[in-house]
Amino acid sequence: MRAIRLATVGPAGGHAPPAMVDALERELRRIFRLPCERHPGSIDVEAAWNPGRGQYYSTEILSRLVEAAPADVRMLGVTGLDLYVPVLTFVFGEAQLEGNCALVSFHRLREEFYGLPPNERLLAERLVKEAVHELGHTFGLRHCDNWRCVMASSHGVELLDVKGAEFCPACARVVRGEGVGPRGAFHSK
């Protein structure tokens, strides 16, 4: 893959603020040692809306990312929309296991969602961790047993806050192409 491409996902109000995307881009470039670029358009999410849940079906959005992604990049959709998959109340993101597309939402990463005052630094840290985690799935990584590894499973912000933004040595080897990742299809978290 030649680059990571960041795509704005969702209608107005669901878009990430430019400064947030800029900071995410810098961290992804540093962690993956790949250039980052911006997708020239936005991804339509109308078909993903579930009025009964008041949320967006992440797998449908991921399918739209797959349709829009050039074959030679890893595409990361970034949104402020509340995401779900049918078997879970919500997801922070979803990715194609060993594919080239991933999706991350900052909706439930914001302290305000939990009735707390805004904390932009914490939001930026959480977004980076979740983006790196979902992109890690595109490299074939599954959830890691090392709780400090960015690939550790996080079903709540409390677990997200205690893990690091970096891969453990075993996961890093897979990302660098020195190890073999498991085979699979879509992976939700």
C-alpha atoms as a PDB file:
ATOM      1  CA  MET A   1       0.000   0.000   0.000  1.00  0.00           C
ATOM      2  CA  ARG A   2       1.373   3.364  -0.970  1.00  0.00           C
ATOM      3  CA  ALA A   3      -0.614   5.574   1.439  1.00  0.00           C
ATOM      4  CA  ILE A   4      -3.359   5.978   4.005  1.00  0.00           C
ATOM      5  CA  ARG A   5      -6.278   7.978   2.619  1.00  0.00           C
ATOM      6  CA  LEU A   6      -8.552   9.788   5.067  1.00  0.00           C
ATOM      7  CA  ALA A   7     -12.176  10.157   3.980  1.00  0.00           C
ATOM      8  CA  THR A   8     -14.816  12.424   5.485  1.00  0.00           C
ATOM      9  CA  VAL A   9     -17.910  10.357   6.211  1.00  0.00           C
ATOM     10  CA  GLY A  10     -21.412  11.635   6.723  1.00  0.00           C
ATOM     11  CA  PRO A  11     -23.624  14.643   6.308  1.00  0.00           C
ATOM     12  CA  ALA A  12     -22.802  18.061   7.745  1.00  0.00           C
ATOM     13  CA  GLY A  13     -22.525  17.675  11.491  1.00  0.00           C
ATOM     14  CA  GLY A  14     -20.994  14.221  11.145  1.00  0.00           C
ATOM     15  CA  HIS A  15     -17.722  15.549   9.767  1.00  0.00           C
ATOM     16  CA  ALA A  16     -14.580  15.712  11.835  1.00  0.00           C
ATOM     17  CA  PRO A  17     -13.228  19.219  12.468  1.00  0.00           C
ATOM     18  CA  PRO A  18     -10.244  19.947  10.162  1.00  0.00           C
ATOM     19  CA  ALA A  19      -7.829  20.408  13.088  1.00  0.00           C
ATOM     20  CA  MET A  20      -8.813  16.973  14.431  1.00  0.00           C
ATOM     21  CA  VAL A  21      -8.181  15.343  11.045  1.00  0.00           C
ATOM     22  CA  ASP A  22      -4.848  17.180  10.694  1.00  0.00           C
ATOM     23  CA  ALA A  23      -3.675  15.856  14.077  1.00  0.00           C
ATOM     24  CA  LEU A  24      -4.875  12.336  13.226  1.00  0.00           C
ATOM     25  CA  GLU A  25      -3.055  12.468   9.902  1.00  0.00           C
ATOM     26  CA  ARG A  26       0.238  13.430  11.605  1.00  0.00           C
ATOM     27  CA  GLU A  27      -0.036  10.554  14.092  1.00  0.00           C
ATOM     28  CA  LEU A  28      -0.969   7.968  11.435  1.00  0.00           C
ATOM     29  CA  ARG A  29       1.992   9.080   9.310  1.00  0.00           C
ATOM     30  CA  ARG A  30       4.290   8.679  12.331  1.00  0.00           C
ATOM     31  CA  ILE A  31       2.950   5.298  13.497  1.00  0.00           C
ATOM     32  CA  PHE A  32       2.563   3.587  10.106  1.00  0.00           C
ATOM     33  CA  ARG A  33       5.452   5.365   8.357  1.00  0.00           C
ATOM     34  CA  LEU A  34       3.224   5.869   5.328  1.00  0.00           C
ATOM     35  CA  PRO A  35       2.164   9.071   3.603  1.00  0.00           C
ATOM     36  CA  CYS A  36      -1.372  10.271   4.310  1.00  0.00           C
ATOM     37  CA  GLU A  37      -3.676  11.949   1.838  1.00  0.00           C
ATOM     38  CA  ARG A  38      -7.260  13.203   1.827  1.00  0.00           C
ATOM     39  CA  HIS A  39     -10.072  11.634  -0.157  1.00  0.00           C
ATOM     40  CA  PRO A  40     -11.354  14.254  -2.605  1.00  0.00           C
ATOM     41  CA  GLY A  41     -15.036  13.817  -1.762  1.00  0.00           C
ATOM     42  CA  SER A  42     -17.324  12.668   1.009  1.00  0.00           C
ATOM     43  CA  ILE A  43     -18.938   9.266   1.473  1.00  0.00           C
ATOM     44  CA  ASP A  44     -22.733   9.135   1.285  1.00  0.00           C
ATOM     45  CA  VAL A  45     -24.265   7.439   4.324  1.00  0.00           C
ATOM     46  CA  GLU A  46     -28.001   7.890   3.758  1.00  0.00           C
ATOM     47  CA  ALA A  47     -28.601   4.148   3.196  1.00  0.00           C
ATOM     48  CA  ALA A  48     -26.856   3.345   6.503  1.00  0.00           C
ATOM     49  CA  TRP A  49     -29.292   5.339   8.680  1.00  0.00           C
ATOM     50  CA  ASN A  50     -31.519   3.252  10.962  1.00  0.00           C
ATOM     51  CA  PRO A  51     -34.296   5.518  12.295  1.00  0.00           C
ATOM     52  CA  GLY A  52     -35.417   2.886  14.818  1.00  0.00           C
ATOM     53  CA  ARG A  53     -32.004   2.899  16.476  1.00  0.00           C
ATOM     54  CA  GLY A  54     -31.084   6.512  15.743  1.00  0.00           C
ATOM     55  CA  GLN A  55     -27.698   5.226  14.529  1.00  0.00           C
ATOM     56  CA  TYR A  56     -25.793   4.416  11.340  1.00  0.00           C
ATOM     57  CA  TYR A  57     -25.019   0.827  10.300  1.00  0.00           C
ATOM     58  CA  SER A  58     -21.232   0.765  10.092  1.00  0.00           C
ATOM     59  CA  THR A  59     -21.016  -2.229   7.738  1.00  0.00           C
ATOM     60  CA  GLU A  60     -23.053  -0.344   5.122  1.00  0.00           C
ATOM     61  CA  ILE A  61     -20.728   2.661   5.405  1.00  0.00           C
ATOM     62  CA  LEU A  62     -17.714   0.364   5.177  1.00  0.00           C
ATOM     63  CA  SER A  63     -19.148  -1.029   1.924  1.00  0.00           C
ATOM     64  CA  ARG A  64     -19.330   2.527   0.565  1.00  0.00           C
ATOM     65  CA  LEU A  65     -15.692   3.081   1.524  1.00  0.00           C
ATOM     66  CA  VAL A  66     -14.710  -0.118  -0.307  1.00  0.00           C
ATOM     67  CA  GLU A  67     -16.481   1.143  -3.453  1.00  0.00           C
ATOM     68  CA  ALA A  68     -14.652   4.488  -3.270  1.00  0.00           C
ATOM     69  CA  ALA A  69     -11.180   3.257  -2.311  1.00  0.00           C
ATOM     70  CA  PRO A  70      -8.374   2.961  -4.844  1.00  0.00           C
ATOM     71  CA  ALA A  71      -6.749  -0.479  -4.639  1.00  0.00           C
ATOM     72  CA  ASP A  72      -3.333   0.908  -3.700  1.00  0.00           C
ATOM     73  CA  VAL A  73      -4.330   2.773  -0.501  1.00  0.00           C
ATOM     74  CA  ARG A  74      -5.737   1.959   2.910  1.00  0.00           C
ATOM     75  CA  MET A  75      -8.850   4.086   3.248  1.00  0.00           C
ATOM     76  CA  LEU A  76      -9.890   5.298   6.694  1.00  0.00           C
ATOM     77  CA  GLY A  77     -13.315   6.870   7.034  1.00  0.00           C
ATOM     78  CA  VAL A  78     -13.593   9.356   9.892  1.00  0.00           C
ATOM     79  CA  THR A  79     -16.990  10.428  11.198  1.00  0.00           C
ATOM     80  CA  GLY A  80     -18.844  11.888  14.129  1.00  0.00           C
ATOM     81  CA  LEU A  81     -21.871   9.663  13.501  1.00  0.00           C
ATOM     82  CA  ASP A  82     -23.071   7.126  16.073  1.00  0.00           C
ATOM     83  CA  LEU A  83     -22.297   3.669  14.609  1.00  0.00           C
ATOM     84  CA  TYR A  84     -23.693   0.196  15.294  1.00  0.00           C
ATOM     85  CA  VAL A  85     -23.729  -3.374  14.057  1.00  0.00           C
ATOM     86  CA  PRO A  86     -26.890  -5.435  14.703  1.00  0.00           C
ATOM     87  CA  VAL A  87     -25.422  -7.565  17.506  1.00  0.00           C
ATOM     88  CA  LEU A  88     -23.945  -4.643  19.479  1.00  0.00           C
ATOM     89  CA  THR A  89     -25.348  -1.470  20.987  1.00  0.00           C
ATOM     90  CA  PHE A  90     -22.603   0.570  19.304  1.00  0.00           C
ATOM     91  CA  VAL A  91     -19.149   0.307  17.756  1.00  0.00           C
ATOM     92  CA  PHE A  92     -16.284   2.801  17.787  1.00  0.00           C
ATOM     93  CA  GLY A  93     -15.299   1.540  14.342  1.00  0.00           C
ATOM     94  CA  GLU A  94     -15.185  -1.341  11.913  1.00  0.00           C
ATOM     95  CA  ALA A  95     -12.631  -2.647   9.432  1.00  0.00           C
ATOM     96  CA  GLN A  96     -12.080  -5.183   6.697  1.00  0.00           C
ATOM     97  CA  LEU A  97      -9.786  -7.860   8.074  1.00  0.00           C
ATOM     98  CA  GLU A  98      -6.890  -7.989   5.588  1.00  0.00           C
ATOM     99  CA  GLY A  99      -8.742  -5.535   3.365  1.00  0.00           C
ATOM    100  CA  ASN A 100      -7.951  -1.937   2.621  1.00  0.00           C
ATOM    101  CA  CYS A 101     -10.793  -0.069   4.348  1.00  0.00           C
ATOM    102  CA  ALA A 102     -11.631   0.921   7.904  1.00  0.00           C
ATOM    103  CA  LEU A 103     -14.054   3.282   9.607  1.00  0.00           C
ATOM    104  CA  VAL A 104     -13.794   5.130  12.916  1.00  0.00           C
ATOM    105  CA  SER A 105     -16.272   7.347  14.756  1.00  0.00           C
ATOM    106  CA  PHE A 106     -15.445   9.934  17.396  1.00  0.00           C
ATOM    107  CA  HIS A 107     -19.111  10.203  18.469  1.00  0.00           C
ATOM    108  CA  ARG A 108     -18.724   8.068  21.622  1.00  0.00           C
ATOM    109  CA  LEU A 109     -15.078   9.026  22.119  1.00  0.00           C
ATOM    110  CA  ARG A 110     -16.111  12.533  23.241  1.00  0.00           C
ATOM    111  CA  GLU A 111     -16.363  13.156  26.972  1.00  0.00           C
ATOM    112  CA  GLU A 112     -19.554  15.148  26.340  1.00  0.00           C
ATOM    113  CA  PHE A 113     -21.300  11.934  25.293  1.00  0.00           C
ATOM    114  CA  TYR A 114     -20.921  10.751  28.912  1.00  0.00           C
ATOM    115  CA  GLY A 115     -22.101  14.038  30.432  1.00  0.00           C
ATOM    116  CA  LEU A 116     -18.582  15.302  31.175  1.00  0.00           C
ATOM    117  CA  PRO A 117     -16.875  18.541  30.125  1.00  0.00           C
ATOM    118  CA  PRO A 118     -15.116  18.518  26.732  1.00  0.00           C
ATOM    119  CA  ASN A 119     -11.502  17.319  26.717  1.00  0.00           C
ATOM    120  CA  GLU A 120      -9.939  17.841  23.283  1.00  0.00           C
ATOM    121  CA  ARG A 121      -6.612  16.220  24.249  1.00  0.00           C
ATOM    122  CA  LEU A 122      -8.323  13.042  25.430  1.00  0.00           C
ATOM    123  CA  LEU A 123     -10.563  12.979  22.345  1.00  0.00           C
ATOM    124  CA  ALA A 124      -7.507  13.252  20.071  1.00  0.00           C
ATOM    125  CA  GLU A 125      -5.754  10.406  21.934  1.00  0.00           C
ATOM    126  CA  ARG A 126      -8.817   8.180  21.736  1.00  0.00           C
ATOM    127  CA  LEU A 127      -9.321   8.892  18.035  1.00  0.00           C
ATOM    128  CA  VAL A 128      -5.712   8.015  17.230  1.00  0.00           C
ATOM    129  CA  LYS A 129      -5.920   4.761  19.207  1.00  0.00           C
ATOM    130  CA  GLU A 130      -9.166   3.741  17.561  1.00  0.00           C
ATOM    131  CA  ALA A 131      -7.946   4.671  14.066  1.00  0.00           C
ATOM    132  CA  VAL A 132      -4.684   2.750  14.500  1.00  0.00           C
ATOM    133  CA  HIS A 133      -6.651  -0.215  15.923  1.00  0.00           C
ATOM    134  CA  GLU A 134      -9.056  -0.347  12.973  1.00  0.00           C
ATOM    135  CA  LEU A 135      -6.239   0.095  10.436  1.00  0.00           C
ATOM    136  CA  GLY A 136      -4.409  -2.730  12.250  1.00  0.00           C
ATOM    137  CA  HIS A 137      -7.290  -5.037  11.303  1.00  0.00           C
ATOM    138  CA  THR A 138      -6.661  -4.165   7.631  1.00  0.00           C
ATOM    139  CA  PHE A 139      -3.169  -5.600   8.101  1.00  0.00           C
ATOM    140  CA  GLY A 140      -4.743  -8.872   9.269  1.00  0.00           C
ATOM    141  CA  LEU A 141      -4.400  -8.299  13.006  1.00  0.00           C
ATOM    142  CA  ARG A 142      -7.056  -9.612  15.369  1.00  0.00           C
ATOM    143  CA  HIS A 143      -7.457  -8.477  18.980  1.00  0.00           C
ATOM    144  CA  CYS A 144      -4.259  -8.807  21.028  1.00  0.00           C
ATOM    145  CA  ASP A 145      -3.988 -10.276  24.530  1.00  0.00           C
ATOM    146  CA  ASN A 146      -1.434  -7.598  25.483  1.00  0.00           C
ATOM    147  CA  TRP A 147      -3.620  -4.943  27.184  1.00  0.00           C
ATOM    148  CA  ARG A 148      -1.074  -2.213  26.399  1.00  0.00           C
ATOM    149  CA  CYS A 149      -1.151  -2.960  22.655  1.00  0.00           C
ATOM    150  CA  VAL A 150      -3.364  -0.767  20.493  1.00  0.00           C
ATOM    151  CA  MET A 151      -4.899  -3.998  19.154  1.00  0.00           C
ATOM    152  CA  ALA A 152      -6.307  -4.932  22.586  1.00  0.00           C
ATOM    153  CA  SER A 153     -10.107  -5.079  22.497  1.00  0.00           C
ATOM    154  CA  SER A 154     -11.839  -1.979  23.856  1.00  0.00           C
ATOM    155  CA  HIS A 155     -15.598  -2.089  24.257  1.00  0.00           C
ATOM    156  CA  GLY A 156     -15.628   1.111  26.311  1.00  0.00           C
ATOM    157  CA  VAL A 157     -13.609   4.307  26.593  1.00  0.00           C
ATOM    158  CA  GLU A 158     -12.239   3.174  29.968  1.00  0.00           C
ATOM    159  CA  LEU A 159     -10.337   0.335  28.279  1.00  0.00           C
ATOM    160  CA  LEU A 160      -9.370   2.565  25.375  1.00  0.00           C
ATOM    161  CA  ASP A 161      -7.810   5.042  27.818  1.00  0.00           C
ATOM    162  CA  VAL A 162      -5.500   2.495  29.474  1.00  0.00           C
ATOM    163  CA  LYS A 163      -3.995   0.997  26.325  1.00  0.00           C
ATOM    164  CA  GLY A 164      -1.310   2.622  24.227  1.00  0.00           C
ATOM    165  CA  ALA A 165      -1.465   4.012  20.690  1.00  0.00           C
ATOM    166  CA  GLU A 166       1.345   1.752  19.484  1.00  0.00           C
ATOM    167  CA  PHE A 167       1.505  -1.897  18.417  1.00  0.00           C
ATOM    168  CA  CYS A 168       3.162  -4.473  20.679  1.00  0.00           C
ATOM    169  CA  PRO A 169       6.274  -6.099  19.129  1.00  0.00           C
ATOM    170  CA  ALA A 170       4.319  -9.113  17.786  1.00  0.00           C
ATOM    171  CA  CYS A 171       1.632  -6.954  16.142  1.00  0.00           C
ATOM    172  CA  ALA A 172       4.241  -4.485  14.838  1.00  0.00           C
ATOM    173  CA  ARG A 173       5.992  -7.348  13.014  1.00  0.00           C
ATOM    174  CA  VAL A 174       2.769  -8.145  11.142  1.00  0.00           C
ATOM    175  CA  VAL A 175       2.240  -4.487  10.188  1.00  0.00           C
ATOM    176  CA  ARG A 176       5.846  -4.284   8.928  1.00  0.00           C
ATOM    177  CA  GLY A 177       5.262  -7.409   6.836  1.00  0.00           C
ATOM    178  CA  GLU A 178       7.532  -9.622   8.941  1.00  0.00           C
ATOM    179  CA  GLY A 179       4.707 -11.821  10.255  1.00  0.00           C
ATOM    180  CA  VAL A 180       1.562 -13.400   8.900  1.00  0.00           C
ATOM    181  CA  GLY A 181      -1.873 -12.194   9.945  1.00  0.00           C
ATOM    182  CA  PRO A 182      -4.965 -14.395  10.128  1.00  0.00           C
ATOM    183  CA  ARG A 183      -7.393 -14.601   7.213  1.00  0.00           C
ATOM    184  CA  GLY A 184     -10.904 -13.175   7.549  1.00  0.00           C
ATOM    185  CA  ALA A 185     -13.590 -10.773   6.349  1.00  0.00           C
ATOM    186  CA  PHE A 186     -15.149  -7.773   8.097  1.00  0.00           C
ATOM    187  CA  HIS A 187     -14.258  -7.334  11.747  1.00  0.00           C
ATOM    188  CA  SER A 188     -16.237  -5.151  14.115  1.00  0.00           C
ATOM    189  CA  LYS A 189     -15.274  -3.840  17.491  1.00  0.00           C
END
